[in-house]
Structures are given as structure tokens and as C-alpha cells.
PDB file of N, CA and C in Angstrom:
ATOM      1  N   MET A   1       0.827  -1.191   0.000  1.00  0.00           N
ATOM      2  CA  MET A   1       0.000   0.000   0.000  1.00  0.00           C
ATOM      3  C   MET A   1       0.871   1.254   0.000  1.00  0.00           C
ATOM      4  N   LEU A   2       1.935   1.252   0.795  1.00  0.00           N
ATOM      5  CA  LEU A   2       2.838   2.398   0.838  1.00  0.00           C
ATOM      6  C   LEU A   2       3.512   2.609  -0.514  1.00  0.00           C
ATOM      7  N   ALA A   3       3.881   1.513  -1.171  1.00  0.00           N
ATOM      8  CA  ALA A   3       4.516   1.626  -2.486  1.00  0.00           C
ATOM      9  C   ALA A   3       3.569   2.271  -3.493  1.00  0.00           C
ATOM     10  N   ALA A   4       2.299   1.888  -3.465  1.00  0.00           N
ATOM     11  CA  ALA A   4       1.316   2.481  -4.380  1.00  0.00           C
ATOM     12  C   ALA A   4       1.154   3.969  -4.115  1.00  0.00           C
ATOM     13  N   LEU A   5       1.158   4.364  -2.856  1.00  0.00           N
ATOM     14  CA  LEU A   5       1.045   5.775  -2.506  1.00  0.00           C
ATOM     15  C   LEU A   5       2.258   6.554  -3.003  1.00  0.00           C
ATOM     16  N   LEU A   6       3.444   5.977  -2.859  1.00  0.00           N
ATOM     17  CA  LEU A   6       4.659   6.645  -3.335  1.00  0.00           C
ATOM     18  C   LEU A   6       4.646   6.808  -4.854  1.00  0.00           C
ATOM     19  N   VAL A   7       4.167   5.799  -5.559  1.00  0.00           N
ATOM     20  CA  VAL A   7       4.069   5.898  -7.022  1.00  0.00           C
ATOM     21  C   VAL A   7       3.092   7.010  -7.401  1.00  0.00           C
ATOM     22  N   MET A   8       1.961   7.078  -6.731  1.00  0.00           N
ATOM     23  CA  MET A   8       0.987   8.130  -7.026  1.00  0.00           C
ATOM     24  C   MET A   8       1.566   9.512  -6.749  1.00  0.00           C
ATOM     25  N   LEU A   9       2.304   9.652  -5.671  1.00  0.00           N
ATOM     26  CA  LEU A   9       2.923  10.936  -5.360  1.00  0.00           C
ATOM     27  C   LEU A   9       3.968  11.302  -6.403  1.00  0.00           C
ATOM     28  N   ALA A  10       4.753  10.322  -6.836  1.00  0.00           N
ATOM     29  CA  ALA A  10       5.775  10.575  -7.849  1.00  0.00           C
ATOM     30  C   ALA A  10       5.138  11.019  -9.158  1.00  0.00           C
ATOM     31  N   LEU A  11       4.025  10.402  -9.535  1.00  0.00           N
ATOM     32  CA  LEU A  11       3.340  10.803 -10.769  1.00  0.00           C
ATOM     33  C   LEU A  11       2.829  12.231 -10.671  1.00  0.00           C
ATOM     34  N   ASP A  12       2.364  12.617  -9.500  1.00  0.00           N
ATOM     35  CA  ASP A  12       1.871  13.974  -9.320  1.00  0.00           C
ATOM     36  C   ASP A  12       2.991  15.001  -9.414  1.00  0.00           C
ATOM     37  N   LEU A  13       4.227  14.609  -9.123  1.00  0.00           N
ATOM     38  CA  LEU A  13       5.353  15.524  -9.171  1.00  0.00           C
ATOM     39  C   LEU A  13       5.933  15.652 -10.573  1.00  0.00           C
ATOM     40  N   ARG A  14       5.625  14.711 -11.449  1.00  0.00           N
ATOM     41  CA  ARG A  14       6.118  14.769 -12.820  1.00  0.00           C
ATOM     42  C   ARG A  14       5.442  15.897 -13.583  1.00  0.00           C
ATOM     43  N   PRO A  15       6.167  16.492 -14.531  1.00  0.00           N
ATOM     44  CA  PRO A  15       5.518  17.461 -15.411  1.00  0.00           C
ATOM     45  C   PRO A  15       4.424  16.771 -16.225  1.00  0.00           C
ATOM     46  N   GLY A  16       3.462  17.527 -16.657  1.00  0.00           N
ATOM     47  CA  GLY A  16       2.428  16.991 -17.523  1.00  0.00           C
ATOM     48  C   GLY A  16       1.246  16.424 -16.760  1.00  0.00           C
ATOM     49  N   VAL A  17       0.321  15.877 -17.533  1.00  0.00           N
ATOM     50  CA  VAL A  17      -0.911  15.294 -16.990  1.00  0.00           C
ATOM     51  C   VAL A  17      -1.174  13.972 -17.701  1.00  0.00           C
ATOM     52  N   PRO A  18      -1.996  13.108 -17.119  1.00  0.00           N
ATOM     53  CA  PRO A  18      -2.362  11.862 -17.805  1.00  0.00           C
ATOM     54  C   PRO A  18      -3.217  12.157 -19.036  1.00  0.00           C
ATOM     55  N   PRO A  19      -3.207  11.253 -20.023  1.00  0.00           N
ATOM     56  CA  PRO A  19      -4.054  11.447 -21.207  1.00  0.00           C
ATOM     57  C   PRO A  19      -5.533  11.330 -20.856  1.00  0.00           C
ATOM     58  N   GLN A  20      -6.382  11.931 -21.707  1.00  0.00           N
ATOM     59  CA  GLN A  20      -7.835  11.837 -21.516  1.00  0.00           C
ATOM     60  C   GLN A  20      -8.340  10.448 -21.896  1.00  0.00           C
ATOM     61  N   THR A  21      -7.843   9.933 -23.009  1.00  0.00           N
ATOM     62  CA  THR A  21      -8.185   8.599 -23.506  1.00  0.00           C
ATOM     63  C   THR A  21      -6.869   7.960 -23.944  1.00  0.00           C
ATOM     64  N   PRO A  22      -6.883   6.696 -24.351  1.00  0.00           N
ATOM     65  CA  PRO A  22      -5.624   6.094 -24.817  1.00  0.00           C
ATOM     66  C   PRO A  22      -4.988   6.805 -26.013  1.00  0.00           C
ATOM     67  N   TRP A  23      -5.727   7.670 -26.716  1.00  0.00           N
ATOM     68  CA  TRP A  23      -5.190   8.329 -27.912  1.00  0.00           C
ATOM     69  C   TRP A  23      -5.187   9.846 -27.847  1.00  0.00           C
ATOM     70  N   THR A  24      -5.787  10.442 -26.830  1.00  0.00           N
ATOM     71  CA  THR A  24      -5.911  11.905 -26.836  1.00  0.00           C
ATOM     72  C   THR A  24      -5.404  12.552 -25.560  1.00  0.00           C
ATOM     73  N   CYS A  25      -4.913  13.769 -25.747  1.00  0.00           N
ATOM     74  CA  CYS A  25      -4.470  14.617 -24.642  1.00  0.00           C
ATOM     75  C   CYS A  25      -5.448  15.785 -24.512  1.00  0.00           C
ATOM     76  N   PRO A  26      -5.528  16.384 -23.331  1.00  0.00           N
ATOM     77  CA  PRO A  26      -6.384  17.568 -23.193  1.00  0.00           C
ATOM     78  C   PRO A  26      -5.877  18.711 -24.061  1.00  0.00           C
ATOM     79  N   ASP A  27      -6.769  19.589 -24.482  1.00  0.00           N
ATOM     80  CA  ASP A  27      -6.388  20.728 -25.321  1.00  0.00           C
ATOM     81  C   ASP A  27      -5.308  21.588 -24.657  1.00  0.00           C
ATOM     82  N   SER A  28      -5.307  21.645 -23.325  1.00  0.00           N
ATOM     83  CA  SER A  28      -4.320  22.459 -22.606  1.00  0.00           C
ATOM     84  C   SER A  28      -2.930  21.826 -22.597  1.00  0.00           C
ATOM     85  N   HIS A  29      -2.833  20.527 -22.923  1.00  0.00           N
ATOM     86  CA  HIS A  29      -1.569  19.785 -22.912  1.00  0.00           C
ATOM     87  C   HIS A  29      -1.496  18.910 -24.174  1.00  0.00           C
ATOM     88  N   PRO A  30      -1.318  19.530 -25.361  1.00  0.00           N
ATOM     89  CA  PRO A  30      -1.446  18.789 -26.613  1.00  0.00           C
ATOM     90  C   PRO A  30      -0.250  17.920 -27.002  1.00  0.00           C
ATOM     91  N   ILE A  31       0.867  18.034 -26.328  1.00  0.00           N
ATOM     92  CA  ILE A  31       2.060  17.275 -26.709  1.00  0.00           C
ATOM     93  C   ILE A  31       1.991  15.888 -26.081  1.00  0.00           C
ATOM     94  N   LYS A  32       2.092  14.858 -26.920  1.00  0.00           N
ATOM     95  CA  LYS A  32       1.966  13.474 -26.469  1.00  0.00           C
ATOM     96  C   LYS A  32       3.327  12.902 -26.074  1.00  0.00           C
ATOM     97  N   GLY A  33       3.435  12.440 -24.836  1.00  0.00           N
ATOM     98  CA  GLY A  33       4.638  11.767 -24.370  1.00  0.00           C
ATOM     99  C   GLY A  33       4.440  10.267 -24.433  1.00  0.00           C
ATOM    100  N   TYR A  34       5.494   9.548 -24.788  1.00  0.00           N
ATOM    101  CA  TYR A  34       5.407   8.106 -24.988  1.00  0.00           C
ATOM    102  C   TYR A  34       6.637   7.443 -24.391  1.00  0.00           C
ATOM    103  N   LEU A  35       6.421   6.385 -23.633  1.00  0.00           N
ATOM    104  CA  LEU A  35       7.515   5.606 -23.060  1.00  0.00           C
ATOM    105  C   LEU A  35       7.781   4.420 -23.972  1.00  0.00           C
ATOM    106  N   MET A  36       8.975   4.368 -24.549  1.00  0.00           N
ATOM    107  CA  MET A  36       9.324   3.296 -25.474  1.00  0.00           C
ATOM    108  C   MET A  36       9.688   2.027 -24.700  1.00  0.00           C
ATOM    109  N   ASP A  37       9.671   0.908 -25.388  1.00  0.00           N
ATOM    110  CA  ASP A  37      10.041  -0.367 -24.770  1.00  0.00           C
ATOM    111  C   ASP A  37      11.455  -0.323 -24.191  1.00  0.00           C
ATOM    112  N   SER A  38      12.313   0.485 -24.768  1.00  0.00           N
ATOM    113  CA  SER A  38      13.701   0.607 -24.299  1.00  0.00           C
ATOM    114  C   SER A  38      13.801   1.392 -22.994  1.00  0.00           C
ATOM    115  N   GLY A  39      12.697   2.030 -22.575  1.00  0.00           N
ATOM    116  CA  GLY A  39      12.715   2.863 -21.374  1.00  0.00           C
ATOM    117  C   GLY A  39      12.947   4.329 -21.670  1.00  0.00           C
ATOM    118  N   ARG A  40      13.251   4.658 -22.922  1.00  0.00           N
ATOM    119  CA  ARG A  40      13.423   6.058 -23.309  1.00  0.00           C
ATOM    120  C   ARG A  40      12.072   6.720 -23.490  1.00  0.00           C
ATOM    121  N   ARG A  41      12.044   8.013 -23.229  1.00  0.00           N
ATOM    122  CA  ARG A  41      10.832   8.804 -23.428  1.00  0.00           C
ATOM    123  C   ARG A  41      10.994   9.659 -24.684  1.00  0.00           C
ATOM    124  N   ILE A  42       9.957   9.676 -25.495  1.00  0.00           N
ATOM    125  CA  ILE A  42       9.916  10.568 -26.652  1.00  0.00           C
ATOM    126  C   ILE A  42       8.607  11.341 -26.581  1.00  0.00           C
ATOM    127  N   TYR A  43       8.544  12.422 -27.327  1.00  0.00           N
ATOM    128  CA  TYR A  43       7.295  13.177 -27.364  1.00  0.00           C
ATOM    129  C   TYR A  43       6.967  13.592 -28.789  1.00  0.00           C
ATOM    130  N   PHE A  44       5.675  13.763 -29.018  1.00  0.00           N
ATOM    131  CA  PHE A  44       5.141  14.088 -30.331  1.00  0.00           C
ATOM    132  C   PHE A  44       4.410  15.419 -30.270  1.00  0.00           C
ATOM    133  N   PRO A  45       4.983  16.494 -30.838  1.00  0.00           N
ATOM    134  CA  PRO A  45       4.228  17.742 -30.959  1.00  0.00           C
ATOM    135  C   PRO A  45       3.081  17.537 -31.955  1.00  0.00           C
ATOM    136  N   PRO A  46       2.041  18.348 -31.870  1.00  0.00           N
ATOM    137  CA  PRO A  46       0.890  18.166 -32.769  1.00  0.00           C
ATOM    138  C   PRO A  46       1.223  18.189 -34.263  1.00  0.00           C
ATOM    139  N   ASP A  47       2.323  18.834 -34.650  1.00  0.00           N
ATOM    140  CA  ASP A  47       2.658  18.889 -36.079  1.00  0.00           C
ATOM    141  C   ASP A  47       3.582  17.750 -36.517  1.00  0.00           C
ATOM    142  N   SER A  48       3.872  16.789 -35.633  1.00  0.00           N
ATOM    143  CA  SER A  48       4.764  15.691 -36.007  1.00  0.00           C
ATOM    144  C   SER A  48       4.028  14.681 -36.889  1.00  0.00           C
ATOM    145  N   ALA A  49       4.798  13.966 -37.680  1.00  0.00           N
ATOM    146  CA  ALA A  49       4.236  13.033 -38.661  1.00  0.00           C
ATOM    147  C   ALA A  49       3.412  11.916 -38.022  1.00  0.00           C
ATOM    148  N   TRP A  50       3.788  11.465 -36.837  1.00  0.00           N
ATOM    149  CA  TRP A  50       3.127  10.311 -36.218  1.00  0.00           C
ATOM    150  C   TRP A  50       2.217  10.711 -35.056  1.00  0.00           C
ATOM    151  N   TYR A  51       1.849  11.969 -34.968  1.00  0.00           N
ATOM    152  CA  TYR A  51       1.054  12.447 -33.834  1.00  0.00           C
ATOM    153  C   TYR A  51      -0.258  11.674 -33.672  1.00  0.00           C
ATOM    154  N   ASP A  52      -1.003  11.498 -34.748  1.00  0.00           N
ATOM    155  CA  ASP A  52      -2.302  10.834 -34.655  1.00  0.00           C
ATOM    156  C   ASP A  52      -2.189   9.373 -34.236  1.00  0.00           C
ATOM    157  N   GLU A  53      -1.081   8.716 -34.586  1.00  0.00           N
ATOM    158  CA  GLU A  53      -0.896   7.308 -34.253  1.00  0.00           C
ATOM    159  C   GLU A  53      -0.321   7.106 -32.852  1.00  0.00           C
ATOM    160  N   ALA A  54       0.198   8.163 -32.248  1.00  0.00           N
ATOM    161  CA  ALA A  54       0.854   8.043 -30.943  1.00  0.00           C
ATOM    162  C   ALA A  54      -0.173   7.858 -29.827  1.00  0.00           C
ATOM    163  N   SER A  55       0.090   6.887 -28.971  1.00  0.00           N
ATOM    164  CA  SER A  55      -0.752   6.627 -27.809  1.00  0.00           C
ATOM    165  C   SER A  55       0.019   7.102 -26.571  1.00  0.00           C
ATOM    166  N   PRO A  56      -0.326   8.257 -26.022  1.00  0.00           N
ATOM    167  CA  PRO A  56       0.487   8.856 -24.962  1.00  0.00           C
ATOM    168  C   PRO A  56       0.313   8.184 -23.604  1.00  0.00           C
ATOM    169  N   ASP A  57       1.401   8.225 -22.818  1.00  0.00           N
ATOM    170  CA  ASP A  57       1.267   7.844 -21.414  1.00  0.00           C
ATOM    171  C   ASP A  57       1.310   9.092 -20.544  1.00  0.00           C
ATOM    172  N   ARG A  58       1.669  10.240 -21.160  1.00  0.00           N
ATOM    173  CA  ARG A  58       1.709  11.530 -20.463  1.00  0.00           C
ATOM    174  C   ARG A  58       1.487  12.625 -21.499  1.00  0.00           C
ATOM    175  N   CYS A  59       0.889  13.733 -21.085  1.00  0.00           N
ATOM    176  CA  CYS A  59       0.623  14.857 -21.984  1.00  0.00           C
ATOM    177  C   CYS A  59       1.250  16.122 -21.407  1.00  0.00           C
ATOM    178  N   TYR A  60       1.809  16.953 -22.280  1.00  0.00           N
ATOM    179  CA  TYR A  60       2.544  18.135 -21.845  1.00  0.00           C
ATOM    180  C   TYR A  60       1.996  19.401 -22.495  1.00  0.00           C
ATOM    181  N   ALA A  61       2.096  20.503 -21.768  1.00  0.00           N
ATOM    182  CA  ALA A  61       1.665  21.798 -22.286  1.00  0.00           C
ATOM    183  C   ALA A  61       2.699  22.379 -23.246  1.00  0.00           C
ATOM    184  N   THR A  62       3.981  22.126 -22.981  1.00  0.00           N
ATOM    185  CA  THR A  62       5.061  22.685 -23.801  1.00  0.00           C
ATOM    186  C   THR A  62       6.129  21.623 -24.042  1.00  0.00           C
ATOM    187  N   GLU A  63       6.962  21.868 -25.040  1.00  0.00           N
ATOM    188  CA  GLU A  63       8.081  20.965 -25.283  1.00  0.00           C
ATOM    189  C   GLU A  63       9.073  21.031 -24.130  1.00  0.00           C
ATOM    190  N   ALA A  64       9.227  22.201 -23.519  1.00  0.00           N
ATOM    191  CA  ALA A  64      10.125  22.329 -22.364  1.00  0.00           C
ATOM    192  C   ALA A  64       9.673  21.417 -21.229  1.00  0.00           C
ATOM    193  N   GLU A  65       8.378  21.308 -21.036  1.00  0.00           N
ATOM    194  CA  GLU A  65       7.837  20.425 -20.002  1.00  0.00           C
ATOM    195  C   GLU A  65       8.147  18.962 -20.336  1.00  0.00           C
ATOM    196  N   ALA A  66       8.018  18.583 -21.602  1.00  0.00           N
ATOM    197  CA  ALA A  66       8.335  17.220 -22.035  1.00  0.00           C
ATOM    198  C   ALA A  66       9.825  16.925 -21.840  1.00  0.00           C
ATOM    199  N   LEU A  67      10.670  17.902 -22.132  1.00  0.00           N
ATOM    200  CA  LEU A  67      12.110  17.730 -21.933  1.00  0.00           C
ATOM    201  C   LEU A  67      12.447  17.557 -20.450  1.00  0.00           C
ATOM    202  N   ARG A  68      11.793  18.330 -19.585  1.00  0.00           N
ATOM    203  CA  ARG A  68      12.024  18.207 -18.135  1.00  0.00           C
ATOM    204  C   ARG A  68      11.644  16.830 -17.611  1.00  0.00           C
ATOM    205  N   ASP A  69      10.707  16.173 -18.295  1.00  0.00           N
ATOM    206  CA  ASP A  69      10.282  14.838 -17.882  1.00  0.00           C
ATOM    207  C   ASP A  69      11.163  13.753 -18.507  1.00  0.00           C
ATOM    208  N   GLY A  70      12.228  14.154 -19.185  1.00  0.00           N
ATOM    209  CA  GLY A  70      13.173  13.184 -19.737  1.00  0.00           C
ATOM    210  C   GLY A  70      12.919  12.799 -21.179  1.00  0.00           C
ATOM    211  N   GLY A  71      11.994  13.476 -21.842  1.00  0.00           N
ATOM    212  CA  GLY A  71      11.683  13.139 -23.224  1.00  0.00           C
ATOM    213  C   GLY A  71      12.613  13.786 -24.222  1.00  0.00           C
ATOM    214  N   ARG A  72      12.581  13.263 -25.428  1.00  0.00           N
ATOM    215  CA  ARG A  72      13.265  13.888 -26.557  1.00  0.00           C
ATOM    216  C   ARG A  72      12.283  13.916 -27.707  1.00  0.00           C
ATOM    217  N   ALA A  73      12.438  14.891 -28.564  1.00  0.00           N
ATOM    218  CA  ALA A  73      11.518  15.033 -29.696  1.00  0.00           C
ATOM    219  C   ALA A  73      11.672  13.862 -30.656  1.00  0.00           C
ATOM    220  N   THR A  74      10.587  13.497 -31.293  1.00  0.00           N
ATOM    221  CA  THR A  74      10.669  12.460 -32.321  1.00  0.00           C
ATOM    222  C   THR A  74      11.489  13.001 -33.475  1.00  0.00           C
ATOM    223  N   ARG A  75      12.109  12.115 -34.170  1.00  0.00           N
ATOM    224  CA  ARG A  75      12.919  12.528 -35.322  1.00  0.00           C
ATOM    225  C   ARG A  75      12.008  12.789 -36.511  1.00  0.00           C
ATOM    226  N   PRO A  76      12.320  13.822 -37.284  1.00  0.00           N
ATOM    227  CA  PRO A  76      11.505  14.060 -38.482  1.00  0.00           C
ATOM    228  C   PRO A  76      11.699  12.917 -39.475  1.00  0.00           C
ATOM    229  N   LEU A  77      10.697  12.704 -40.292  1.00  0.00           N
ATOM    230  CA  LEU A  77      10.822  11.677 -41.323  1.00  0.00           C
ATOM    231  C   LEU A  77      11.872  12.094 -42.329  1.00  0.00           C
ATOM    232  N   ARG A  78      12.676  11.145 -42.733  1.00  0.00           N
ATOM    233  CA  ARG A  78      13.665  11.427 -43.774  1.00  0.00           C
ATOM    234  C   ARG A  78      13.001  11.261 -45.133  1.00  0.00           C
ATOM    235  N   PRO A  79      13.292  12.178 -46.050  1.00  0.00           N
ATOM    236  CA  PRO A  79      12.717  11.997 -47.392  1.00  0.00           C
ATOM    237  C   PRO A  79      13.298  10.740 -48.036  1.00  0.00           C
ATOM    238  N   ARG A  80      12.461  10.030 -48.735  1.00  0.00           N
ATOM    239  CA  ARG A  80      12.918   8.840 -49.424  1.00  0.00           C
ATOM    240  C   ARG A  80      13.655   9.243 -50.688  1.00  0.00           C
ATOM    241  N   PRO A  81      14.699   8.500 -51.045  1.00  0.00           N
ATOM    242  CA  PRO A  81      15.370   8.818 -52.308  1.00  0.00           C
ATOM    243  C   PRO A  81      14.435   8.534 -53.485  1.00  0.00           C
ATOM    244  N   PRO A  82      14.603   9.275 -54.568  1.00  0.00           N
ATOM    245  CA  PRO A  82      13.710   9.063 -55.722  1.00  0.00           C
ATOM    246  C   PRO A  82      13.887   7.657 -56.292  1.00  0.00           C
ATOM    247  N   MET A  83      12.779   7.099 -56.697  1.00  0.00           N
ATOM    248  CA  MET A  83      12.814   5.782 -57.342  1.00  0.00           C
ATOM    249  C   MET A  83      13.111   5.989 -58.814  1.00  0.00           C
ATOM    250  N   HIS A  84      14.004   5.186 -59.338  1.00  0.00           N
ATOM    251  CA  HIS A  84      14.347   5.261 -60.759  1.00  0.00           C
ATOM    252  C   HIS A  84      13.699   4.078 -61.463  1.00  0.00           C
ATOM    253  N   ASP A  85      13.210   4.349 -62.649  1.00  0.00           N
ATOM    254  CA  ASP A  85      12.621   3.277 -63.433  1.00  0.00           C
ATOM    255  C   ASP A  85      13.712   2.303 -63.850  1.00  0.00           C
ATOM    256  N   VAL A  86      13.452   1.061 -63.628  1.00  0.00           N
ATOM    257  CA  VAL A  86      14.389   0.018 -64.042  1.00  0.00           C
ATOM    258  C   VAL A  86      13.759  -0.733 -65.194  1.00  0.00           C
ATOM    259  N   ILE A  87      14.481  -0.787 -66.303  1.00  0.00           N
ATOM    260  CA  ILE A  87      13.946  -1.471 -67.481  1.00  0.00           C
ATOM    261  C   ILE A  87      14.769  -2.679 -67.757  1.00  0.00           C
TER     262      ILE A  87
END
């Protein structure tokens, strides 16, 4: 019971808020934070390529808030090289 209370207190001290649903953040905290299987945290600003597909575990008001929680921005998509016709 004490461990559960400590976890709840720790979550309250973290920047950000919990998501509204498994896919959405409140309008006041639109940046989606995601904990990867590796244990690293990344975040998705609303203009990122994978924002709609991201299922957040935490939501942030600003990128600075996401950074304070240990996150890093998602990498932009790299343009694909042009395909050449092969005959």
C-alpha cells in the first residue's frame, strides 16, 4: 500500500498530466509523451508526422515540459530517395 502511494505521489510531481483517452491529450496539454520499450521517453508535438498514431502515457503543455520529464523530440521523417525506373 505504501509503495502504491509513493508511485501516485511521484506521478503527481512529474511534469504533464495523464491522457484523456488512450489516444488523446487535453487541449491544454497537446504534446503526447510516450515511453518506449527501451525505457526512453519521446514526445510528439501536434505537427509531427506520427502524432495521430501516438498513444500517450503523459501529456505536456510545452516541449520544455516534455524535456524536463526526460523526453526527446521524435525525429523528423527522412525523405525517401527518388525511385528510378528500371527497365
